[in-house]
Amino acid sequence: MDLVWMAWTWPTIAFFVGIFLAIATMGLLEYRRAGGAPRRGILGLDTTRGDRLFVSLLGSAYIMLAWLGLVGSPLWGAVIIAILWTIAVFRWV
């Protein structure tokens, strides 16, 4: 598949496919088992699953940008930190 016309790379495609799959999974979970009442986390905010997904994606983007600015590439360390961040958000926020 020739992706030169839009300067897409395979990691970029994998990133967007991952986000699409996360949103699709959240949609299926919501359809199958509605989220119900929001949950109050350690920050004192009432959040739903969708809110926690958004916070985890936004936080992961900042983690990646900070890693690039402070350390550079490769991003494997940032990926591990972002995964731990996402687990923490869904568990406690």
N, C-alpha and C. Protein backbone atom coordinates (compact mmCIF):
# COMPACT_ATOMS: atom_id res chain seq x y z
N MET A 1 0.85 -1.18 0.00
CA MET A 1 0.00 0.00 0.00
C MET A 1 0.90 1.24 0.00
N ASP A 2 0.70 2.10 -0.95
CA ASP A 2 1.51 3.29 -1.08
C ASP A 2 0.89 4.43 -0.26
N LEU A 3 1.60 4.83 0.79
CA LEU A 3 1.08 5.86 1.69
C LEU A 3 1.82 7.18 1.55
N VAL A 4 2.58 7.35 0.48
CA VAL A 4 3.42 8.53 0.31
C VAL A 4 2.58 9.79 0.08
N TRP A 5 1.41 9.68 -0.52
CA TRP A 5 0.62 10.84 -0.88
C TRP A 5 0.22 11.68 0.33
N MET A 6 0.22 11.10 1.54
CA MET A 6 -0.19 11.85 2.71
C MET A 6 0.87 11.78 3.81
N ALA A 7 2.03 11.28 3.48
CA ALA A 7 3.15 11.16 4.43
C ALA A 7 2.77 10.33 5.65
N TRP A 8 1.93 9.31 5.45
CA TRP A 8 1.56 8.42 6.53
C TRP A 8 2.66 7.37 6.69
N THR A 9 2.89 7.01 7.93
CA THR A 9 3.81 5.92 8.21
C THR A 9 3.03 4.82 8.92
N TRP A 10 3.62 3.65 8.98
CA TRP A 10 2.93 2.54 9.65
C TRP A 10 2.69 2.80 11.13
N PRO A 11 3.62 3.41 11.86
CA PRO A 11 3.32 3.74 13.26
C PRO A 11 2.16 4.74 13.40
N THR A 12 2.06 5.68 12.45
CA THR A 12 0.94 6.63 12.50
C THR A 12 -0.38 5.92 12.27
N ILE A 13 -0.40 5.02 11.32
CA ILE A 13 -1.61 4.25 11.06
C ILE A 13 -1.98 3.41 12.28
N ALA A 14 -0.98 2.77 12.89
CA ALA A 14 -1.23 1.95 14.07
C ALA A 14 -1.80 2.81 15.21
N PHE A 15 -1.30 4.02 15.35
CA PHE A 15 -1.78 4.94 16.38
C PHE A 15 -3.26 5.25 16.18
N PHE A 16 -3.63 5.63 14.97
CA PHE A 16 -5.03 5.98 14.71
C PHE A 16 -5.94 4.77 14.76
N VAL A 17 -5.47 3.63 14.32
CA VAL A 17 -6.27 2.41 14.43
C VAL A 17 -6.48 2.08 15.91
N GLY A 18 -5.45 2.27 16.74
CA GLY A 18 -5.59 2.03 18.17
C GLY A 18 -6.63 2.94 18.81
N ILE A 19 -6.61 4.21 18.45
CA ILE A 19 -7.61 5.14 18.99
C ILE A 19 -9.01 4.75 18.51
N PHE A 20 -9.12 4.40 17.22
CA PHE A 20 -10.42 3.98 16.70
C PHE A 20 -10.93 2.74 17.44
N LEU A 21 -10.05 1.77 17.67
CA LEU A 21 -10.46 0.56 18.38
C LEU A 21 -10.85 0.85 19.82
N ALA A 22 -10.15 1.78 20.47
CA ALA A 22 -10.51 2.14 21.84
C ALA A 22 -11.90 2.78 21.89
N ILE A 23 -12.18 3.67 20.96
CA ILE A 23 -13.49 4.32 20.92
C ILE A 23 -14.58 3.31 20.55
N ALA A 24 -14.30 2.43 19.60
CA ALA A 24 -15.27 1.40 19.22
C ALA A 24 -15.54 0.46 20.39
N THR A 25 -14.51 0.08 21.11
CA THR A 25 -14.68 -0.79 22.27
C THR A 25 -15.52 -0.11 23.34
N MET A 26 -15.27 1.17 23.57
CA MET A 26 -16.07 1.90 24.55
C MET A 26 -17.52 1.99 24.11
N GLY A 27 -17.74 2.17 22.81
CA GLY A 27 -19.11 2.21 22.30
C GLY A 27 -19.82 0.88 22.49
N LEU A 28 -19.12 -0.21 22.20
CA LEU A 28 -19.71 -1.54 22.39
C LEU A 28 -19.97 -1.83 23.86
N LEU A 29 -19.05 -1.45 24.73
CA LEU A 29 -19.28 -1.63 26.16
C LEU A 29 -20.49 -0.84 26.64
N GLU A 30 -20.62 0.38 26.14
CA GLU A 30 -21.75 1.21 26.54
C GLU A 30 -23.06 0.63 26.03
N TYR A 31 -23.04 0.08 24.82
CA TYR A 31 -24.25 -0.52 24.26
C TYR A 31 -24.61 -1.79 25.02
N ARG A 32 -23.60 -2.60 25.31
CA ARG A 32 -23.85 -3.89 25.95
C ARG A 32 -24.19 -3.74 27.43
N ARG A 33 -23.46 -2.86 28.11
CA ARG A 33 -23.68 -2.65 29.54
C ARG A 33 -23.49 -1.17 29.81
N ALA A 34 -24.60 -0.48 29.91
CA ALA A 34 -24.56 0.97 30.09
C ALA A 34 -23.76 1.34 31.33
N GLY A 35 -23.04 2.46 31.22
CA GLY A 35 -22.15 2.90 32.30
C GLY A 35 -22.84 3.23 33.59
N GLY A 36 -24.11 3.59 33.52
CA GLY A 36 -24.84 3.92 34.73
C GLY A 36 -24.42 5.26 35.30
N ALA A 37 -24.48 5.35 36.59
CA ALA A 37 -24.15 6.60 37.27
C ALA A 37 -22.65 6.86 37.20
N PRO A 38 -22.26 8.12 37.09
CA PRO A 38 -20.83 8.44 37.09
C PRO A 38 -20.16 8.02 38.41
N ARG A 39 -18.88 7.76 38.33
CA ARG A 39 -18.10 7.34 39.49
C ARG A 39 -17.24 8.51 39.97
N ARG A 40 -17.16 8.68 41.30
CA ARG A 40 -16.34 9.76 41.87
C ARG A 40 -14.96 9.19 42.17
N GLY A 41 -13.94 9.83 41.58
CA GLY A 41 -12.57 9.36 41.73
C GLY A 41 -11.80 10.13 42.78
N ILE A 42 -10.48 9.93 42.80
CA ILE A 42 -9.65 10.56 43.82
C ILE A 42 -9.54 12.07 43.63
N LEU A 43 -9.81 12.55 42.42
CA LEU A 43 -9.77 13.99 42.19
C LEU A 43 -11.07 14.68 42.59
N GLY A 44 -12.07 13.89 42.99
CA GLY A 44 -13.35 14.46 43.39
C GLY A 44 -14.26 14.79 42.23
N LEU A 45 -13.92 14.29 41.04
CA LEU A 45 -14.74 14.53 39.86
C LEU A 45 -15.61 13.33 39.57
N ASP A 46 -16.83 13.57 39.13
CA ASP A 46 -17.69 12.49 38.65
C ASP A 46 -17.36 12.22 37.19
N THR A 47 -16.92 10.99 36.90
CA THR A 47 -16.52 10.66 35.53
C THR A 47 -17.20 9.38 35.07
N THR A 48 -17.44 9.33 33.76
CA THR A 48 -17.95 8.12 33.13
C THR A 48 -16.79 7.43 32.41
N ARG A 49 -17.06 6.27 31.82
CA ARG A 49 -16.00 5.57 31.08
C ARG A 49 -15.47 6.43 29.94
N GLY A 50 -16.35 7.12 29.26
CA GLY A 50 -15.92 7.98 28.16
C GLY A 50 -15.03 9.12 28.63
N ASP A 51 -15.37 9.69 29.78
CA ASP A 51 -14.54 10.75 30.36
C ASP A 51 -13.16 10.22 30.69
N ARG A 52 -13.10 9.03 31.28
CA ARG A 52 -11.81 8.45 31.64
C ARG A 52 -11.00 8.09 30.40
N LEU A 53 -11.65 7.66 29.32
CA LEU A 53 -10.93 7.40 28.07
C LEU A 53 -10.34 8.70 27.53
N PHE A 54 -11.12 9.77 27.54
CA PHE A 54 -10.63 11.06 27.06
C PHE A 54 -9.45 11.54 27.89
N VAL A 55 -9.55 11.47 29.22
CA VAL A 55 -8.47 11.91 30.10
C VAL A 55 -7.22 11.06 29.86
N SER A 56 -7.39 9.76 29.68
CA SER A 56 -6.23 8.89 29.46
C SER A 56 -5.57 9.19 28.11
N LEU A 57 -6.35 9.44 27.06
CA LEU A 57 -5.78 9.77 25.75
C LEU A 57 -5.07 11.13 25.79
N LEU A 58 -5.69 12.09 26.43
CA LEU A 58 -5.08 13.42 26.53
C LEU A 58 -3.80 13.37 27.34
N GLY A 59 -3.84 12.68 28.47
CA GLY A 59 -2.65 12.53 29.29
C GLY A 59 -1.54 11.79 28.57
N SER A 60 -1.90 10.76 27.81
CA SER A 60 -0.90 10.00 27.05
C SER A 60 -0.25 10.88 25.99
N ALA A 61 -1.02 11.76 25.37
CA ALA A 61 -0.45 12.67 24.38
C ALA A 61 0.58 13.60 25.04
N TYR A 62 0.25 14.11 26.22
CA TYR A 62 1.19 14.98 26.93
C TYR A 62 2.43 14.21 27.38
N ILE A 63 2.25 12.97 27.79
CA ILE A 63 3.40 12.14 28.17
C ILE A 63 4.33 11.95 26.98
N MET A 64 3.76 11.65 25.82
CA MET A 64 4.57 11.46 24.62
C MET A 64 5.31 12.75 24.23
N LEU A 65 4.61 13.88 24.28
CA LEU A 65 5.26 15.14 23.93
C LEU A 65 6.36 15.51 24.92
N ALA A 66 6.10 15.29 26.20
CA ALA A 66 7.13 15.58 27.20
C ALA A 66 8.34 14.68 27.01
N TRP A 67 8.10 13.40 26.71
CA TRP A 67 9.20 12.47 26.47
C TRP A 67 10.03 12.92 25.27
N LEU A 68 9.35 13.29 24.21
CA LEU A 68 10.08 13.75 23.02
C LEU A 68 10.89 15.00 23.32
N GLY A 69 10.34 15.91 24.10
CA GLY A 69 11.04 17.13 24.42
C GLY A 69 12.21 16.94 25.37
N LEU A 70 12.07 16.02 26.31
CA LEU A 70 13.10 15.85 27.33
C LEU A 70 14.11 14.75 27.00
N VAL A 71 13.65 13.65 26.39
CA VAL A 71 14.50 12.49 26.17
C VAL A 71 14.79 12.28 24.69
N GLY A 72 13.78 12.44 23.86
CA GLY A 72 13.92 12.15 22.43
C GLY A 72 13.40 10.76 22.12
N SER A 73 13.82 10.24 20.99
CA SER A 73 13.33 8.91 20.62
C SER A 73 14.36 7.87 21.03
N PRO A 74 13.99 6.63 21.16
CA PRO A 74 12.70 5.99 20.90
C PRO A 74 11.69 6.26 22.02
N LEU A 75 10.44 5.98 21.73
CA LEU A 75 9.35 6.31 22.64
C LEU A 75 8.89 5.15 23.50
N TRP A 76 9.64 4.07 23.57
CA TRP A 76 9.17 2.90 24.32
C TRP A 76 8.95 3.22 25.79
N GLY A 77 9.81 4.01 26.37
CA GLY A 77 9.63 4.40 27.77
C GLY A 77 8.35 5.19 27.96
N ALA A 78 8.07 6.09 27.03
CA ALA A 78 6.85 6.88 27.11
C ALA A 78 5.61 6.01 26.93
N VAL A 79 5.70 5.01 26.08
CA VAL A 79 4.57 4.10 25.88
C VAL A 79 4.25 3.36 27.17
N ILE A 80 5.29 2.89 27.86
CA ILE A 80 5.08 2.18 29.13
C ILE A 80 4.45 3.12 30.16
N ILE A 81 4.95 4.34 30.25
CA ILE A 81 4.38 5.32 31.18
C ILE A 81 2.94 5.63 30.82
N ALA A 82 2.64 5.77 29.53
CA ALA A 82 1.27 6.07 29.09
C ALA A 82 0.33 4.91 29.41
N ILE A 83 0.79 3.69 29.26
CA ILE A 83 -0.05 2.53 29.61
C ILE A 83 -0.33 2.52 31.11
N LEU A 84 0.69 2.77 31.92
CA LEU A 84 0.49 2.83 33.36
C LEU A 84 -0.46 3.98 33.73
N TRP A 85 -0.34 5.11 33.04
CA TRP A 85 -1.24 6.25 33.25
C TRP A 85 -2.68 5.85 32.94
N THR A 86 -2.89 5.17 31.83
CA THR A 86 -4.24 4.76 31.44
C THR A 86 -4.83 3.79 32.45
N ILE A 87 -4.03 2.85 32.92
CA ILE A 87 -4.52 1.92 33.95
C ILE A 87 -4.91 2.69 35.21
N ALA A 88 -4.07 3.64 35.62
CA ALA A 88 -4.37 4.43 36.81
C ALA A 88 -5.64 5.25 36.64
N VAL A 89 -5.82 5.85 35.46
CA VAL A 89 -7.02 6.66 35.22
C VAL A 89 -8.28 5.81 35.31
N PHE A 90 -8.27 4.65 34.67
CA PHE A 90 -9.47 3.82 34.70
C PHE A 90 -9.70 3.18 36.07
N ARG A 91 -8.65 3.05 36.84
CA ARG A 91 -8.80 2.43 38.17
C ARG A 91 -9.22 3.44 39.23
N TRP A 92 -8.60 4.64 39.24
CA TRP A 92 -8.78 5.54 40.38
C TRP A 92 -9.42 6.88 40.05
N VAL A 93 -9.45 7.31 38.81
CA VAL A 93 -9.97 8.65 38.51
C VAL A 93 -11.46 8.58 38.24
